[in-house]
PDB file of N, CA and C in Angstrom:
ATOM      1  N   MET A   1     -12.372 -11.993  18.020  1.00  0.00           N
ATOM      2  CA  MET A   1     -12.726 -11.064  16.974  1.00  0.00           C
ATOM      3  C   MET A   1     -11.623 -10.989  15.930  1.00  0.00           C
ATOM      4  N   ASN A   2     -12.013 -10.961  14.677  1.00  0.00           N
ATOM      5  CA  ASN A   2     -11.034 -10.854  13.606  1.00  0.00           C
ATOM      6  C   ASN A   2     -10.733  -9.385  13.315  1.00  0.00           C
ATOM      7  N   THR A   3      -9.464  -9.089  13.147  1.00  0.00           N
ATOM      8  CA  THR A   3      -9.011  -7.738  12.857  1.00  0.00           C
ATOM      9  C   THR A   3      -8.143  -7.783  11.609  1.00  0.00           C
ATOM     10  N   PHE A   4      -8.445  -6.908  10.644  1.00  0.00           N
ATOM     11  CA  PHE A   4      -7.729  -6.925   9.370  1.00  0.00           C
ATOM     12  C   PHE A   4      -7.371  -5.515   8.939  1.00  0.00           C
ATOM     13  N   ILE A   5      -6.354  -5.444   8.079  1.00  0.00           N
ATOM     14  CA  ILE A   5      -6.050  -4.216   7.351  1.00  0.00           C
ATOM     15  C   ILE A   5      -6.143  -4.562   5.867  1.00  0.00           C
ATOM     16  N   SER A   6      -6.787  -3.687   5.124  1.00  0.00           N
ATOM     17  CA  SER A   6      -6.964  -3.867   3.680  1.00  0.00           C
ATOM     18  C   SER A   6      -6.279  -2.700   2.985  1.00  0.00           C
ATOM     19  N   VAL A   7      -5.200  -2.980   2.241  1.00  0.00           N
ATOM     20  CA  VAL A   7      -4.429  -1.935   1.580  1.00  0.00           C
ATOM     21  C   VAL A   7      -4.575  -2.075   0.067  1.00  0.00           C
ATOM     22  N   THR A   8      -5.000  -0.991  -0.591  1.00  0.00           N
ATOM     23  CA  THR A   8      -5.175  -0.990  -2.041  1.00  0.00           C
ATOM     24  C   THR A   8      -4.220   0.018  -2.668  1.00  0.00           C
ATOM     25  N   PRO A   9      -3.158  -0.466  -3.350  1.00  0.00           N
ATOM     26  CA  PRO A   9      -2.263   0.458  -4.058  1.00  0.00           C
ATOM     27  C   PRO A   9      -2.891   0.874  -5.389  1.00  0.00           C
ATOM     28  N   THR A  10      -2.984   2.175  -5.618  1.00  0.00           N
ATOM     29  CA  THR A  10      -3.573   2.675  -6.856  1.00  0.00           C
ATOM     30  C   THR A  10      -2.626   3.663  -7.510  1.00  0.00           C
ATOM     31  N   PRO A  11      -2.370   3.492  -8.793  1.00  0.00           N
ATOM     32  CA  PRO A  11      -1.508   4.448  -9.479  1.00  0.00           C
ATOM     33  C   PRO A  11      -2.282   5.718  -9.819  1.00  0.00           C
ATOM     34  N   HIS A  12      -1.559   6.811  -9.922  1.00  0.00           N
ATOM     35  CA  HIS A  12      -2.154   8.088 -10.331  1.00  0.00           C
ATOM     36  C   HIS A  12      -2.747   7.936 -11.726  1.00  0.00           C
ATOM     37  N   TRP A  13      -3.865   8.590 -11.991  1.00  0.00           N
ATOM     38  CA  TRP A  13      -4.548   8.443 -13.282  1.00  0.00           C
ATOM     39  C   TRP A  13      -3.652   8.844 -14.457  1.00  0.00           C
ATOM     40  N   ALA A  14      -2.718   9.784 -14.228  1.00  0.00           N
ATOM     41  CA  ALA A  14      -1.890  10.276 -15.333  1.00  0.00           C
ATOM     42  C   ALA A  14      -0.765   9.313 -15.717  1.00  0.00           C
ATOM     43  N   ASN A  15      -0.273   8.528 -14.773  1.00  0.00           N
ATOM     44  CA  ASN A  15       0.850   7.637 -15.092  1.00  0.00           C
ATOM     45  C   ASN A  15       0.550   6.177 -14.780  1.00  0.00           C
ATOM     46  N   GLY A  16      -0.719   5.880 -14.505  1.00  0.00           N
ATOM     47  CA  GLY A  16      -1.092   4.514 -14.157  1.00  0.00           C
ATOM     48  C   GLY A  16      -0.775   3.501 -15.233  1.00  0.00           C
ATOM     49  N   TRP A  17      -0.968   3.888 -16.480  1.00  0.00           N
ATOM     50  CA  TRP A  17      -0.672   2.960 -17.581  1.00  0.00           C
ATOM     51  C   TRP A  17       0.787   2.543 -17.540  1.00  0.00           C
ATOM     52  N   PHE A  18       1.686   3.477 -17.217  1.00  0.00           N
ATOM     53  CA  PHE A  18       3.122   3.213 -17.202  1.00  0.00           C
ATOM     54  C   PHE A  18       3.472   2.277 -16.037  1.00  0.00           C
ATOM     55  N   LEU A  19       2.938   2.576 -14.860  1.00  0.00           N
ATOM     56  CA  LEU A  19       3.236   1.730 -13.705  1.00  0.00           C
ATOM     57  C   LEU A  19       2.679   0.327 -13.872  1.00  0.00           C
ATOM     58  N   ARG A  20       1.479   0.214 -14.418  1.00  0.00           N
ATOM     59  CA  ARG A  20       0.886  -1.119 -14.600  1.00  0.00           C
ATOM     60  C   ARG A  20       1.737  -1.993 -15.524  1.00  0.00           C
ATOM     61  N   VAL A  21       2.401  -1.376 -16.497  1.00  0.00           N
ATOM     62  CA  VAL A  21       3.220  -2.129 -17.453  1.00  0.00           C
ATOM     63  C   VAL A  21       4.611  -2.426 -16.888  1.00  0.00           C
ATOM     64  N   PHE A  22       5.232  -1.440 -16.224  1.00  0.00           N
ATOM     65  CA  PHE A  22       6.648  -1.556 -15.885  1.00  0.00           C
ATOM     66  C   PHE A  22       6.974  -1.735 -14.400  1.00  0.00           C
ATOM     67  N   ALA A  23       5.980  -1.655 -13.526  1.00  0.00           N
ATOM     68  CA  ALA A  23       6.281  -1.725 -12.094  1.00  0.00           C
ATOM     69  C   ALA A  23       5.214  -2.537 -11.360  1.00  0.00           C
ATOM     70  N   ALA A  24       5.608  -3.040 -10.226  1.00  0.00           N
ATOM     71  CA  ALA A  24       4.685  -3.758  -9.341  1.00  0.00           C
ATOM     72  C   ALA A  24       4.598  -2.984  -8.032  1.00  0.00           C
ATOM     73  N   PRO A  25       3.434  -2.961  -7.405  1.00  0.00           N
ATOM     74  CA  PRO A  25       3.348  -2.295  -6.111  1.00  0.00           C
ATOM     75  C   PRO A  25       4.077  -3.104  -5.041  1.00  0.00           C
ATOM     76  N   VAL A  26       4.643  -2.399  -4.086  1.00  0.00           N
ATOM     77  CA  VAL A  26       5.340  -3.014  -2.961  1.00  0.00           C
ATOM     78  C   VAL A  26       4.568  -2.638  -1.706  1.00  0.00           C
ATOM     79  N   LEU A  27       4.197  -3.631  -0.923  1.00  0.00           N
ATOM     80  CA  LEU A  27       3.459  -3.414   0.316  1.00  0.00           C
ATOM     81  C   LEU A  27       4.205  -4.094   1.454  1.00  0.00           C
ATOM     82  N   LEU A  28       4.512  -3.322   2.480  1.00  0.00           N
ATOM     83  CA  LEU A  28       5.117  -3.870   3.687  1.00  0.00           C
ATOM     84  C   LEU A  28       4.235  -3.522   4.869  1.00  0.00           C
ATOM     85  N   ILE A  29       3.945  -4.520   5.690  1.00  0.00           N
ATOM     86  CA  ILE A  29       3.219  -4.306   6.931  1.00  0.00           C
ATOM     87  C   ILE A  29       4.111  -4.798   8.052  1.00  0.00           C
ATOM     88  N   ASP A  30       4.506  -3.881   8.914  1.00  0.00           N
ATOM     89  CA  ASP A  30       5.422  -4.178  10.016  1.00  0.00           C
ATOM     90  C   ASP A  30       6.715  -4.808   9.502  1.00  0.00           C
ATOM     91  N   GLY A  31       7.198  -4.322   8.349  1.00  0.00           N
ATOM     92  CA  GLY A  31       8.466  -4.768   7.795  1.00  0.00           C
ATOM     93  C   GLY A  31       8.415  -6.058   6.993  1.00  0.00           C
ATOM     94  N   VAL A  32       7.235  -6.663   6.875  1.00  0.00           N
ATOM     95  CA  VAL A  32       7.084  -7.909   6.127  1.00  0.00           C
ATOM     96  C   VAL A  32       6.440  -7.590   4.785  1.00  0.00           C
ATOM     97  N   GLU A  33       7.132  -7.949   3.682  1.00  0.00           N
ATOM     98  CA  GLU A  33       6.577  -7.674   2.359  1.00  0.00           C
ATOM     99  C   GLU A  33       5.411  -8.614   2.072  1.00  0.00           C
ATOM    100  N   ARG A  34       4.356  -8.023   1.542  1.00  0.00           N
ATOM    101  CA  ARG A  34       3.133  -8.756   1.220  1.00  0.00           C
ATOM    102  C   ARG A  34       2.847  -8.659  -0.268  1.00  0.00           C
ATOM    103  N   SER A  35       2.078  -9.594  -0.761  1.00  0.00           N
ATOM    104  CA  SER A  35       1.660  -9.593  -2.152  1.00  0.00           C
ATOM    105  C   SER A  35       0.696  -8.432  -2.391  1.00  0.00           C
ATOM    106  N   ALA A  36       0.860  -7.753  -3.533  1.00  0.00           N
ATOM    107  CA  ALA A  36      -0.029  -6.635  -3.862  1.00  0.00           C
ATOM    108  C   ALA A  36      -0.194  -6.521  -5.371  1.00  0.00           C
ATOM    109  N   ARG A  37      -1.374  -6.029  -5.778  1.00  0.00           N
ATOM    110  CA  ARG A  37      -1.664  -5.781  -7.196  1.00  0.00           C
ATOM    111  C   ARG A  37      -2.304  -4.404  -7.312  1.00  0.00           C
ATOM    112  N   TRP A  38      -1.993  -3.713  -8.393  1.00  0.00           N
ATOM    113  CA  TRP A  38      -2.584  -2.399  -8.621  1.00  0.00           C
ATOM    114  C   TRP A  38      -4.103  -2.492  -8.614  1.00  0.00           C
ATOM    115  N   GLY A  39      -4.737  -1.640  -7.818  1.00  0.00           N
ATOM    116  CA  GLY A  39      -6.189  -1.539  -7.805  1.00  0.00           C
ATOM    117  C   GLY A  39      -6.925  -2.642  -7.084  1.00  0.00           C
ATOM    118  N   HIS A  40      -6.213  -3.558  -6.454  1.00  0.00           N
ATOM    119  CA  HIS A  40      -6.841  -4.669  -5.737  1.00  0.00           C
ATOM    120  C   HIS A  40      -6.428  -4.624  -4.266  1.00  0.00           C
ATOM    121  N   PRO A  41      -7.370  -4.837  -3.361  1.00  0.00           N
ATOM    122  CA  PRO A  41      -7.005  -4.807  -1.943  1.00  0.00           C
ATOM    123  C   PRO A  41      -6.204  -6.045  -1.531  1.00  0.00           C
ATOM    124  N   SER A  42      -5.202  -5.810  -0.715  1.00  0.00           N
ATOM    125  CA  SER A  42      -4.475  -6.896  -0.051  1.00  0.00           C
ATOM    126  C   SER A  42      -4.951  -6.888   1.390  1.00  0.00           C
ATOM    127  N   ILE A  43      -5.574  -7.980   1.804  1.00  0.00           N
ATOM    128  CA  ILE A  43      -6.169  -8.046   3.132  1.00  0.00           C
ATOM    129  C   ILE A  43      -5.300  -8.933   4.018  1.00  0.00           C
ATOM    130  N   VAL A  44      -4.887  -8.371   5.154  1.00  0.00           N
ATOM    131  CA  VAL A  44      -3.959  -9.059   6.045  1.00  0.00           C
ATOM    132  C   VAL A  44      -4.536  -9.050   7.457  1.00  0.00           C
ATOM    133  N   ALA A  45      -4.545 -10.208   8.103  1.00  0.00           N
ATOM    134  CA  ALA A  45      -4.964 -10.303   9.508  1.00  0.00           C
ATOM    135  C   ALA A  45      -3.860  -9.713  10.378  1.00  0.00           C
ATOM    136  N   VAL A  46      -4.255  -8.855  11.312  1.00  0.00           N
ATOM    137  CA  VAL A  46      -3.302  -8.215  12.218  1.00  0.00           C
ATOM    138  C   VAL A  46      -3.888  -8.204  13.625  1.00  0.00           C
ATOM    139  N   ASP A  47      -3.028  -7.974  14.593  1.00  0.00           N
ATOM    140  CA  ASP A  47      -3.487  -7.749  15.958  1.00  0.00           C
ATOM    141  C   ASP A  47      -3.944  -6.299  16.072  1.00  0.00           C
ATOM    142  N   PRO A  48      -4.893  -6.014  16.943  1.00  0.00           N
ATOM    143  CA  PRO A  48      -5.279  -4.617  17.153  1.00  0.00           C
ATOM    144  C   PRO A  48      -4.076  -3.806  17.631  1.00  0.00           C
ATOM    145  N   GLY A  49      -4.055  -2.530  17.262  1.00  0.00           N
ATOM    146  CA  GLY A  49      -2.966  -1.649  17.688  1.00  0.00           C
ATOM    147  C   GLY A  49      -2.337  -0.948  16.501  1.00  0.00           C
ATOM    148  N   ASP A  50      -1.200  -0.323  16.747  1.00  0.00           N
ATOM    149  CA  ASP A  50      -0.494   0.426  15.709  1.00  0.00           C
ATOM    150  C   ASP A  50       0.355  -0.508  14.847  1.00  0.00           C
ATOM    151  N   HIS A  51       0.312  -0.252  13.530  1.00  0.00           N
ATOM    152  CA  HIS A  51       1.096  -1.040  12.575  1.00  0.00           C
ATOM    153  C   HIS A  51       1.750  -0.097  11.574  1.00  0.00           C
ATOM    154  N   ARG A  52       3.004  -0.398  11.220  1.00  0.00           N
ATOM    155  CA  ARG A  52       3.730   0.395  10.231  1.00  0.00           C
ATOM    156  C   ARG A  52       3.421  -0.172   8.850  1.00  0.00           C
ATOM    157  N   VAL A  53       2.865   0.688   7.988  1.00  0.00           N
ATOM    158  CA  VAL A  53       2.489   0.303   6.629  1.00  0.00           C
ATOM    159  C   VAL A  53       3.324   1.129   5.661  1.00  0.00           C
ATOM    160  N   SER A  54       3.875   0.469   4.650  1.00  0.00           N
ATOM    161  CA  SER A  54       4.676   1.143   3.633  1.00  0.00           C
ATOM    162  C   SER A  54       4.221   0.672   2.258  1.00  0.00           C
ATOM    163  N   VAL A  55       4.051   1.615   1.334  1.00  0.00           N
ATOM    164  CA  VAL A  55       3.656   1.293  -0.035  1.00  0.00           C
ATOM    165  C   VAL A  55       4.564   2.049  -0.985  1.00  0.00           C
ATOM    166  N   GLY A  56       5.020   1.366  -2.043  1.00  0.00           N
ATOM    167  CA  GLY A  56       5.864   1.968  -3.068  1.00  0.00           C
ATOM    168  C   GLY A  56       5.703   1.201  -4.367  1.00  0.00           C
ATOM    169  N   ALA A  57       6.550   1.510  -5.332  1.00  0.00           N
ATOM    170  CA  ALA A  57       6.525   0.830  -6.628  1.00  0.00           C
ATOM    171  C   ALA A  57       7.925   0.323  -6.947  1.00  0.00           C
ATOM    172  N   ARG A  58       8.007  -0.916  -7.419  1.00  0.00           N
ATOM    173  CA  ARG A  58       9.291  -1.522  -7.784  1.00  0.00           C
ATOM    174  C   ARG A  58       9.278  -1.820  -9.276  1.00  0.00           C
ATOM    175  N   TYR A  59      10.232  -1.207  -9.985  1.00  0.00           N
ATOM    176  CA  TYR A  59      10.342  -1.472 -11.411  1.00  0.00           C
ATOM    177  C   TYR A  59      11.004  -2.817 -11.644  1.00  0.00           C
ATOM    178  N   ARG A  60      10.645  -3.449 -12.730  1.00  0.00           N
ATOM    179  CA  ARG A  60      11.222  -4.754 -13.069  1.00  0.00           C
ATOM    180  C   ARG A  60      12.740  -4.691 -13.040  1.00  0.00           C
ATOM    181  N   GLY A  61      13.347  -5.678 -12.415  1.00  0.00           N
ATOM    182  CA  GLY A  61      14.800  -5.781 -12.371  1.00  0.00           C
ATOM    183  C   GLY A  61      15.453  -4.928 -11.301  1.00  0.00           C
ATOM    184  N   THR A  62      14.679  -4.273 -10.445  1.00  0.00           N
ATOM    185  CA  THR A  62      15.259  -3.463  -9.372  1.00  0.00           C
ATOM    186  C   THR A  62      14.819  -4.003  -8.024  1.00  0.00           C
ATOM    187  N   ARG A  63      15.552  -3.630  -6.990  1.00  0.00           N
ATOM    188  CA  ARG A  63      15.218  -4.070  -5.638  1.00  0.00           C
ATOM    189  C   ARG A  63      14.499  -2.996  -4.832  1.00  0.00           C
ATOM    190  N   SER A  64      14.844  -1.744  -5.098  1.00  0.00           N
ATOM    191  CA  SER A  64      14.295  -0.674  -4.271  1.00  0.00           C
ATOM    192  C   SER A  64      12.866  -0.327  -4.674  1.00  0.00           C
ATOM    193  N   ALA A  65      12.151   0.207  -3.713  1.00  0.00           N
ATOM    194  CA  ALA A  65      10.777   0.637  -3.948  1.00  0.00           C
ATOM    195  C   ALA A  65      10.766   2.158  -4.048  1.00  0.00           C
ATOM    196  N   LEU A  66      10.400   2.658  -5.204  1.00  0.00           N
ATOM    197  CA  LEU A  66      10.345   4.100  -5.406  1.00  0.00           C
ATOM    198  C   LEU A  66       9.071   4.670  -4.802  1.00  0.00           C
ATOM    199  N   GLY A  67       9.192   5.878  -4.271  1.00  0.00           N
ATOM    200  CA  GLY A  67       8.039   6.569  -3.726  1.00  0.00           C
ATOM    201  C   GLY A  67       7.495   5.966  -2.454  1.00  0.00           C
ATOM    202  N   ALA A  68       8.231   5.007  -1.889  1.00  0.00           N
ATOM    203  CA  ALA A  68       7.735   4.335  -0.687  1.00  0.00           C
ATOM    204  C   ALA A  68       7.659   5.314   0.471  1.00  0.00           C
ATOM    205  N   VAL A  69       6.580   5.232   1.194  1.00  0.00           N
ATOM    206  CA  VAL A  69       6.391   6.076   2.370  1.00  0.00           C
ATOM    207  C   VAL A  69       5.820   5.206   3.484  1.00  0.00           C
ATOM    208  N   ASP A  70       6.278   5.460   4.705  1.00  0.00           N
ATOM    209  CA  ASP A  70       5.806   4.725   5.877  1.00  0.00           C
ATOM    210  C   ASP A  70       4.720   5.533   6.584  1.00  0.00           C
ATOM    211  N   ALA A  71       3.758   4.836   7.114  1.00  0.00           N
ATOM    212  CA  ALA A  71       2.743   5.456   7.965  1.00  0.00           C
ATOM    213  C   ALA A  71       2.432   4.498   9.095  1.00  0.00           C
ATOM    214  N   VAL A  72       2.185   5.035  10.258  1.00  0.00           N
ATOM    215  CA  VAL A  72       1.742   4.220  11.384  1.00  0.00           C
ATOM    216  C   VAL A  72       0.228   4.369  11.446  1.00  0.00           C
ATOM    217  N   ILE A  73      -0.457   3.230  11.342  1.00  0.00           N
ATOM    218  CA  ILE A  73      -1.909   3.227  11.285  1.00  0.00           C
ATOM    219  C   ILE A  73      -2.443   2.410  12.462  1.00  0.00           C
ATOM    220  N   GLY A  74      -3.328   3.030  13.208  1.00  0.00           N
ATOM    221  CA  GLY A  74      -3.957   2.359  14.340  1.00  0.00           C
ATOM    222  C   GLY A  74      -5.121   1.506  13.862  1.00  0.00           C
ATOM    223  N   ILE A  75      -5.097   0.242  14.229  1.00  0.00           N
ATOM    224  CA  ILE A  75      -6.130  -0.704  13.802  1.00  0.00           C
ATOM    225  C   ILE A  75      -6.956  -1.100  15.026  1.00  0.00           C
ATOM    226  N   PRO A  76      -8.252  -0.718  15.061  1.00  0.00           N
ATOM    227  CA  PRO A  76      -9.082  -1.120  16.196  1.00  0.00           C
ATOM    228  C   PRO A  76      -9.461  -2.600  16.122  1.00  0.00           C
ATOM    229  N   ALA A  77      -9.790  -3.164  17.244  1.00  0.00           N
ATOM    230  CA  ALA A  77     -10.139  -4.583  17.318  1.00  0.00           C
ATOM    231  C   ALA A  77     -11.461  -4.863  16.627  1.00  0.00           C
ATOM    232  N   GLY A  78     -11.494  -6.003  15.925  1.00  0.00           N
ATOM    233  CA  GLY A  78     -12.733  -6.514  15.374  1.00  0.00           C
ATOM    234  C   GLY A  78     -13.252  -5.864  14.111  1.00  0.00           C
ATOM    235  N   VAL A  79     -12.433  -5.085  13.448  1.00  0.00           N
ATOM    236  CA  VAL A  79     -12.881  -4.432  12.214  1.00  0.00           C
ATOM    237  C   VAL A  79     -11.836  -4.622  11.117  1.00  0.00           C
ATOM    238  N   THR A  80     -12.237  -4.279   9.906  1.00  0.00           N
ATOM    239  CA  THR A  80     -11.291  -4.208   8.797  1.00  0.00           C
ATOM    240  C   THR A  80     -11.047  -2.738   8.509  1.00  0.00           C
ATOM    241  N   THR A  81      -9.803  -2.316   8.618  1.00  0.00           N
ATOM    242  CA  THR A  81      -9.437  -0.936   8.339  1.00  0.00           C
ATOM    243  C   THR A  81      -8.916  -0.868   6.918  1.00  0.00           C
ATOM    244  N   GLY A  82      -9.534  -0.052   6.093  1.00  0.00           N
ATOM    245  CA  GLY A  82      -9.132   0.094   4.700  1.00  0.00           C
ATOM    246  C   GLY A  82      -8.159   1.244   4.512  1.00  0.00           C
ATOM    247  N   VAL A  83      -7.177   1.039   3.656  1.00  0.00           N
ATOM    248  CA  VAL A  83      -6.185   2.064   3.341  1.00  0.00           C
ATOM    249  C   VAL A  83      -5.999   2.094   1.832  1.00  0.00           C
ATOM    250  N   THR A  84      -6.034   3.286   1.237  1.00  0.00           N
ATOM    251  CA  THR A  84      -5.649   3.424  -0.165  1.00  0.00           C
ATOM    252  C   THR A  84      -4.311   4.136  -0.203  1.00  0.00           C
ATOM    253  N   ALA A  85      -3.480   3.754  -1.155  1.00  0.00           N
ATOM    254  CA  ALA A  85      -2.169   4.376  -1.338  1.00  0.00           C
ATOM    255  C   ALA A  85      -2.029   4.724  -2.814  1.00  0.00           C
ATOM    256  N   THR A  86      -1.880   6.010  -3.103  1.00  0.00           N
ATOM    257  CA  THR A  86      -1.798   6.480  -4.489  1.00  0.00           C
ATOM    258  C   THR A  86      -0.491   7.224  -4.686  1.00  0.00           C
ATOM    259  N   ASN A  87       0.206   6.907  -5.798  1.00  0.00           N
ATOM    260  CA  ASN A  87       1.456   7.601  -6.076  1.00  0.00           C
ATOM    261  C   ASN A  87       1.164   8.992  -6.635  1.00  0.00           C
ATOM    262  N   GLY A  88       2.190   9.811  -6.684  1.00  0.00           N
ATOM    263  CA  GLY A  88       2.048  11.153  -7.234  1.00  0.00           C
ATOM    264  C   GLY A  88       2.066  11.137  -8.750  1.00  0.00           C
ATOM    265  N   ILE A  89       1.803  12.304  -9.344  1.00  0.00           N
ATOM    266  CA  ILE A  89       1.773  12.404 -10.802  1.00  0.00           C
ATOM    267  C   ILE A  89       3.153  12.136 -11.413  1.00  0.00           C
ATOM    268  N   LEU A  90       4.211  12.449 -10.668  1.00  0.00           N
ATOM    269  CA  LEU A  90       5.569  12.140 -11.108  1.00  0.00           C
ATOM    270  C   LEU A  90       6.043  10.897 -10.361  1.00  0.00           C
ATOM    271  N   ASN A  91       6.769  10.040 -11.044  1.00  0.00           N
ATOM    272  CA  ASN A  91       7.142   8.746 -10.464  1.00  0.00           C
ATOM    273  C   ASN A  91       7.970   8.847  -9.192  1.00  0.00           C
ATOM    274  N   HIS A  92       8.731   9.925  -9.023  1.00  0.00           N
ATOM    275  CA  HIS A  92       9.569  10.028  -7.826  1.00  0.00           C
ATOM    276  C   HIS A  92       8.803  10.562  -6.619  1.00  0.00           C
ATOM    277  N   GLN A  93       7.568  11.003  -6.814  1.00  0.00           N
ATOM    278  CA  GLN A  93       6.789  11.528  -5.700  1.00  0.00           C
ATOM    279  C   GLN A  93       6.303  10.396  -4.809  1.00  0.00           C
ATOM    280  N   PRO A  94       6.252  10.643  -3.496  1.00  0.00           N
ATOM    281  CA  PRO A  94       5.838   9.574  -2.579  1.00  0.00           C
ATOM    282  C   PRO A  94       4.360   9.249  -2.699  1.00  0.00           C
ATOM    283  N   PHE A  95       4.034   8.044  -2.299  1.00  0.00           N
ATOM    284  CA  PHE A  95       2.645   7.618  -2.234  1.00  0.00           C
ATOM    285  C   PHE A  95       1.949   8.374  -1.097  1.00  0.00           C
ATOM    286  N   VAL A  96       0.674   8.611  -1.280  1.00  0.00           N
ATOM    287  CA  VAL A  96      -0.143   9.223  -0.239  1.00  0.00           C
ATOM    288  C   VAL A  96      -1.125   8.150   0.242  1.00  0.00           C
ATOM    289  N   MET A  97      -1.116   7.921   1.566  1.00  0.00           N
ATOM    290  CA  MET A  97      -2.010   6.911   2.134  1.00  0.00           C
ATOM    291  C   MET A  97      -3.180   7.587   2.828  1.00  0.00           C
ATOM    292  N   ARG A  98      -4.361   7.014   2.618  1.00  0.00           N
ATOM    293  CA  ARG A  98      -5.582   7.504   3.244  1.00  0.00           C
ATOM    294  C   ARG A  98      -6.324   6.326   3.868  1.00  0.00           C
ATOM    295  N   VAL A  99      -6.772   6.517   5.087  1.00  0.00           N
ATOM    296  CA  VAL A  99      -7.605   5.500   5.734  1.00  0.00           C
ATOM    297  C   VAL A  99      -9.037   5.725   5.246  1.00  0.00           C
ATOM    298  N   VAL A 100      -9.661   4.650   4.785  1.00  0.00           N
ATOM    299  CA  VAL A 100     -11.024   4.710   4.251  1.00  0.00           C
ATOM    300  C   VAL A 100     -11.854   3.626   4.924  1.00  0.00           C
ATOM    301  N   GLU A 101     -13.152   3.725   4.789  1.00  0.00           N
ATOM    302  CA  GLU A 101     -14.003   2.655   5.316  1.00  0.00           C
ATOM    303  C   GLU A 101     -13.862   1.432   4.437  1.00  0.00           C
ATOM    304  N   ALA A 102     -13.705   0.281   5.040  1.00  0.00           N
ATOM    305  CA  ALA A 102     -13.543  -0.945   4.267  1.00  0.00           C
ATOM    306  C   ALA A 102     -14.860  -1.672   4.141  1.00  0.00           C
TER     307      ALA A 102
END
């Protein structure tokens, strides 16, 4: 059975224009950085069980991810678990992750 996690980083409606121009989303699954784009799901094959997911924003020319927050998400076998991650209205506020149906 195939098991996946689908993570979609979405900027807050009030500052999304700014993040889309000046920052890239940062996605880490179990400490491994993955490719991510604003508003597009990144789908990663995983083993069933708990996985540490982190989402933040990295401004051009910087290494750190602002607003990054970790969550442990349980992934059942044989399904795709969807997660949305949205930053706060202020850039320093952490992302909020929600598990959604994929």
